[in-house]
Amino acid sequence: MIKRRTLLKAMGATVPLTLIPTALIFAKTKTDAKHYAMVIDVRRCTGCMSCSIACAIENGTPKGMNRNQVRQFTVAQEESFGTMAIPTQCGQCEEPPCVDVCPADATAKNKDGIVYLDRDACIACQACVEACPYGARAGDENEEIAPEKCDFCISRLSYGLLPACVESCVGHARIFGDLNSPDSKLVQTIKANDVYAMLPEAGTQPSIFYIGLPGDTEDQKVLNLNHLNWQR
């Protein structure tokens, strides 16, 4: 699997988003188990940050460590510029590089496709932070605190609740569900739209998809953004 540093160097931050054929998205759902995924419709995202706040409250994340971010991006619109808010988080990858590099087997993927962290087993070595091509794991440079990552609010799912970010989204930009449920809103949304994924060339096969993004958006530029900064 390509490491984040190697991938960024090879890409030069200039690769546009890649349209993902619907057949490839559903090819990963080969079992009777659930396969959780999310579509983010950036046309509906207001950039209000309610998802990040709800996530921090729900999961009690340490100050300065975010499981998801909302990155502000400036795009050309005819004779002017417009702004677009693009939420990012762990991709819940089919081939997660963070699992492969963990020396303590603290990061694993469950039968529902969720990549999760066993905090009791984690030794805070930060190897997973370096391995993630999306920069989706919030690390601790002092190697004292376990890296934070999204797990789709796995504890909420066990009670039949939606992830906190989905429930709190005022624009209903986040669509969460099971790829193995053909009648679900998630599946119907994927089938009805052009769907993009971040960094498909990394070979991770993420389960976070985007609709409404301009086709010439350079995904690495989006991922490089700090959530407090604007990028033109």
Protein backbone atom coordinates (compact mmCIF):
# COMPACT_ATOMS: atom_id res chain seq x y z
CA MET A 1 0.00 0.00 0.00
CA ILE A 2 1.28 3.49 -0.81
CA LYS A 3 2.30 5.59 2.17
CA ARG A 4 0.94 9.11 2.45
CA ARG A 5 4.33 10.83 2.07
CA THR A 6 5.25 8.76 -1.00
CA LEU A 7 1.85 9.32 -2.58
CA LEU A 8 1.93 13.10 -2.12
CA LYS A 9 5.38 13.31 -3.66
CA ALA A 10 4.35 11.23 -6.66
CA MET A 11 1.13 13.11 -7.25
CA GLY A 12 2.45 16.63 -6.97
CA ALA A 13 -1.01 17.65 -5.70
CA THR A 14 -2.41 17.99 -9.22
CA VAL A 15 -4.68 14.97 -9.77
CA PRO A 16 -8.38 15.68 -10.42
CA LEU A 17 -11.11 13.70 -8.72
CA THR A 18 -11.96 10.36 -10.31
CA LEU A 19 -15.48 9.30 -11.21
CA ILE A 20 -16.18 5.90 -9.65
CA PRO A 21 -18.35 3.55 -11.74
CA THR A 22 -21.34 2.27 -9.79
CA ALA A 23 -20.39 -1.32 -10.57
CA LEU A 24 -17.09 -0.91 -8.75
CA ILE A 25 -18.78 0.54 -5.68
CA PHE A 26 -21.10 -2.43 -5.30
CA ALA A 27 -18.45 -5.00 -6.25
CA LYS A 28 -17.13 -4.82 -2.69
CA THR A 29 -20.45 -5.97 -1.22
CA LYS A 30 -20.09 -9.71 -1.70
CA THR A 31 -21.46 -10.97 1.62
CA ASP A 32 -24.78 -10.96 3.44
CA ALA A 33 -23.32 -8.73 6.16
CA LYS A 34 -23.94 -5.01 6.25
CA HIS A 35 -21.40 -2.78 4.53
CA TYR A 36 -21.68 0.71 5.89
CA ALA A 37 -20.79 3.66 3.69
CA MET A 38 -21.52 7.36 3.33
CA VAL A 39 -22.22 9.78 0.51
CA ILE A 40 -21.49 13.46 1.10
CA ASP A 41 -23.41 15.87 -1.13
CA VAL A 42 -21.26 19.00 -1.07
CA ARG A 43 -24.05 20.98 -2.75
CA ARG A 44 -25.98 20.73 0.50
CA CYS A 45 -23.10 21.35 2.92
CA THR A 46 -23.31 24.83 4.48
CA GLY A 47 -19.90 24.66 6.15
CA CYS A 48 -21.51 25.15 9.56
CA MET A 49 -19.17 22.64 11.25
CA SER A 50 -22.04 21.05 13.19
CA CYS A 51 -20.74 17.63 12.16
CA SER A 52 -17.30 18.28 13.64
CA ILE A 53 -18.79 19.67 16.85
CA ALA A 54 -21.25 16.80 17.23
CA CYS A 55 -18.46 14.30 16.62
CA ALA A 56 -16.22 15.88 19.26
CA ILE A 57 -19.04 15.90 21.82
CA GLU A 58 -20.15 12.35 21.06
CA ASN A 59 -16.66 10.86 21.17
CA GLY A 60 -14.97 13.13 23.71
CA THR A 61 -12.01 13.80 21.46
CA PRO A 62 -9.03 15.67 22.96
CA LYS A 63 -8.69 19.36 22.13
CA GLY A 64 -7.14 19.89 18.71
CA MET A 65 -7.76 16.31 17.54
CA ASN A 66 -10.64 16.01 15.07
CA ARG A 67 -12.16 12.86 13.64
CA ASN A 68 -13.67 14.85 10.80
CA GLN A 69 -13.05 18.24 9.26
CA VAL A 70 -14.87 20.63 6.96
CA ARG A 71 -12.47 22.18 4.47
CA GLN A 72 -13.38 25.43 2.73
CA PHE A 73 -12.55 25.52 -0.98
CA THR A 74 -12.90 28.33 -3.52
CA VAL A 75 -14.09 27.37 -7.01
CA ALA A 76 -14.58 29.29 -10.24
CA GLN A 77 -18.19 30.13 -11.11
CA GLU A 78 -18.59 31.72 -14.55
CA GLU A 79 -17.34 35.30 -14.02
CA SER A 80 -16.73 35.07 -10.28
CA PHE A 81 -15.65 32.72 -7.51
CA GLY A 82 -17.78 30.72 -5.14
CA THR A 83 -16.97 28.79 -2.00
CA MET A 84 -17.55 25.13 -1.33
CA ALA A 85 -17.39 23.28 1.97
CA ILE A 86 -16.01 19.76 1.71
CA PRO A 87 -16.26 17.47 4.76
CA THR A 88 -13.51 14.85 5.09
CA GLN A 89 -12.92 11.95 7.46
CA CYS A 90 -11.68 8.36 7.58
CA GLY A 91 -12.64 6.61 4.35
CA GLN A 92 -13.47 3.26 6.03
CA CYS A 93 -11.34 1.70 3.33
CA GLU A 94 -11.80 -1.77 1.91
CA GLU A 95 -7.99 -2.06 1.90
CA PRO A 96 -7.00 0.11 4.89
CA PRO A 97 -3.24 0.72 5.07
CA CYS A 98 -3.56 1.73 8.73
CA VAL A 99 -4.52 -1.85 9.62
CA ASP A 100 -1.50 -3.34 7.87
CA VAL A 101 1.07 -1.14 9.65
CA CYS A 102 -0.28 -1.36 13.21
CA PRO A 103 2.27 -3.37 15.28
CA ALA A 104 -0.23 -3.92 18.10
CA ASP A 105 -3.22 -5.01 15.99
CA ALA A 106 -5.09 -2.12 17.59
CA THR A 107 -6.62 -1.00 14.30
CA ALA A 108 -8.89 -3.52 12.62
CA LYS A 109 -11.91 -3.78 10.33
CA ASN A 110 -15.13 -5.42 11.46
CA LYS A 111 -17.57 -7.51 9.42
CA ASP A 112 -19.62 -4.40 8.59
CA GLY A 113 -16.69 -2.71 6.84
CA ILE A 114 -15.91 -0.27 9.66
CA VAL A 115 -12.26 0.39 10.47
CA TYR A 116 -12.03 0.92 14.22
CA LEU A 117 -9.43 1.49 16.92
CA ASP A 118 -9.03 -0.60 20.07
CA ARG A 119 -7.77 2.12 22.39
CA ASP A 120 -6.74 -0.37 25.07
CA ALA A 121 -4.42 -2.14 22.63
CA CYS A 122 -3.06 1.01 20.95
CA ILE A 123 0.54 1.90 21.87
CA ALA A 124 0.29 5.39 20.31
CA CYS A 125 3.19 4.75 17.93
CA GLN A 126 1.47 6.87 15.23
CA ALA A 127 2.38 4.42 12.43
CA CYS A 128 -1.23 4.56 11.23
CA VAL A 129 -1.07 8.36 10.97
CA GLU A 130 1.83 8.12 8.54
CA ALA A 131 0.23 5.29 6.57
CA CYS A 132 -3.11 7.01 5.90
CA PRO A 133 -2.99 8.74 2.48
CA TYR A 134 -5.98 10.90 3.45
CA GLY A 135 -4.50 12.42 6.58
CA ALA A 136 -7.66 11.22 8.29
CA ARG A 137 -6.09 10.11 11.55
CA ALA A 138 -5.41 12.86 14.07
CA GLY A 139 -2.07 12.00 15.61
CA ASP A 140 -0.08 13.06 18.65
CA GLU A 141 3.47 14.14 17.84
CA ASN A 142 4.54 13.25 21.39
CA GLU A 143 3.32 9.68 20.87
CA GLU A 144 1.39 9.73 24.14
CA ILE A 145 -2.23 9.73 22.95
CA ALA A 146 -3.89 7.21 20.65
CA PRO A 147 -4.64 8.73 17.23
CA GLU A 148 -8.27 9.72 16.71
CA LYS A 149 -10.26 8.36 13.77
CA CYS A 150 -13.85 8.14 12.64
CA ASP A 151 -15.56 4.79 13.22
CA PHE A 152 -19.04 5.84 12.04
CA CYS A 153 -19.98 6.19 15.74
CA ILE A 154 -19.96 2.42 16.06
CA SER A 155 -21.44 2.54 19.56
CA ARG A 156 -24.44 4.51 18.25
CA LEU A 157 -24.98 2.04 15.41
CA SER A 158 -25.35 -0.76 17.94
CA TYR A 159 -28.42 1.08 19.28
CA GLY A 160 -29.88 1.73 15.85
CA LEU A 161 -28.80 5.38 15.81
CA LEU A 162 -27.13 7.31 13.02
CA PRO A 163 -23.56 8.60 13.33
CA ALA A 164 -23.49 11.93 15.19
CA CYS A 165 -22.27 13.82 12.12
CA VAL A 166 -25.21 12.57 10.05
CA GLU A 167 -27.81 13.28 12.70
CA SER A 168 -26.51 16.83 13.29
CA CYS A 169 -26.16 17.88 9.63
CA VAL A 170 -28.55 20.79 9.11
CA GLY A 171 -28.25 20.61 5.32
CA HIS A 172 -28.81 16.83 5.16
CA ALA A 173 -25.58 16.61 3.18
CA ARG A 174 -24.53 13.29 4.68
CA ILE A 175 -26.30 10.13 3.54
CA PHE A 176 -25.39 7.05 5.55
CA GLY A 177 -26.44 3.47 5.09
CA ASP A 178 -25.75 -0.07 4.00
CA LEU A 179 -24.39 -0.74 0.51
CA ASN A 180 -26.06 -4.15 0.70
CA SER A 181 -29.51 -2.62 1.10
CA PRO A 182 -30.71 -1.93 -2.48
CA ASP A 183 -33.73 0.11 -1.41
CA SER A 184 -31.80 2.37 0.96
CA LYS A 185 -31.44 6.09 0.35
CA LEU A 186 -27.67 5.59 0.21
CA VAL A 187 -27.81 3.08 -2.64
CA GLN A 188 -30.45 5.02 -4.56
CA THR A 189 -28.38 8.21 -4.26
CA ILE A 190 -25.27 6.46 -5.58
CA LYS A 191 -27.16 5.03 -8.55
CA ALA A 192 -28.73 8.38 -9.44
CA ASN A 193 -25.59 10.53 -9.36
CA ASP A 194 -22.02 10.85 -10.59
CA VAL A 195 -20.02 9.64 -7.61
CA TYR A 196 -16.43 10.55 -6.78
CA ALA A 197 -13.90 9.20 -4.31
CA MET A 198 -10.73 10.76 -2.98
CA LEU A 199 -7.39 9.31 -4.13
CA PRO A 200 -8.56 6.12 -5.86
CA GLU A 201 -4.99 5.72 -7.11
CA ALA A 202 -3.96 4.91 -3.53
CA GLY A 203 -5.71 1.56 -3.92
CA THR A 204 -7.55 1.79 -0.60
CA GLN A 205 -11.12 1.60 -2.01
CA PRO A 206 -12.75 4.05 0.42
CA SER A 207 -16.39 3.86 1.47
CA ILE A 208 -16.82 7.64 1.65
CA PHE A 209 -18.14 9.03 -1.63
CA TYR A 210 -18.88 12.53 -2.89
CA ILE A 211 -21.46 14.01 -5.21
CA GLY A 212 -21.73 17.59 -6.43
CA LEU A 213 -18.01 18.24 -6.71
CA PRO A 214 -16.67 19.88 -9.89
CA GLY A 215 -14.92 17.21 -11.94
CA ASP A 216 -11.70 19.23 -12.11
CA THR A 217 -11.36 19.48 -8.33
CA GLU A 218 -7.88 18.32 -7.31
CA ASP A 219 -8.44 15.94 -4.44
CA GLN A 220 -5.01 16.29 -2.87
CA LYS A 221 -5.40 20.07 -2.68
CA VAL A 222 -8.62 19.49 -0.77
CA LEU A 223 -6.96 17.03 1.60
CA ASN A 224 -4.03 19.38 2.19
CA LEU A 225 -6.30 22.15 3.44
CA ASN A 226 -6.44 23.01 7.10
CA HIS A 227 -10.09 23.25 8.15
CA LEU A 228 -9.48 26.84 9.31
CA ASN A 229 -8.01 28.03 6.02
CA TRP A 230 -9.45 28.87 2.61
CA GLN A 231 -7.95 27.62 -0.63
CA ARG A 232 -8.37 29.42 -3.94
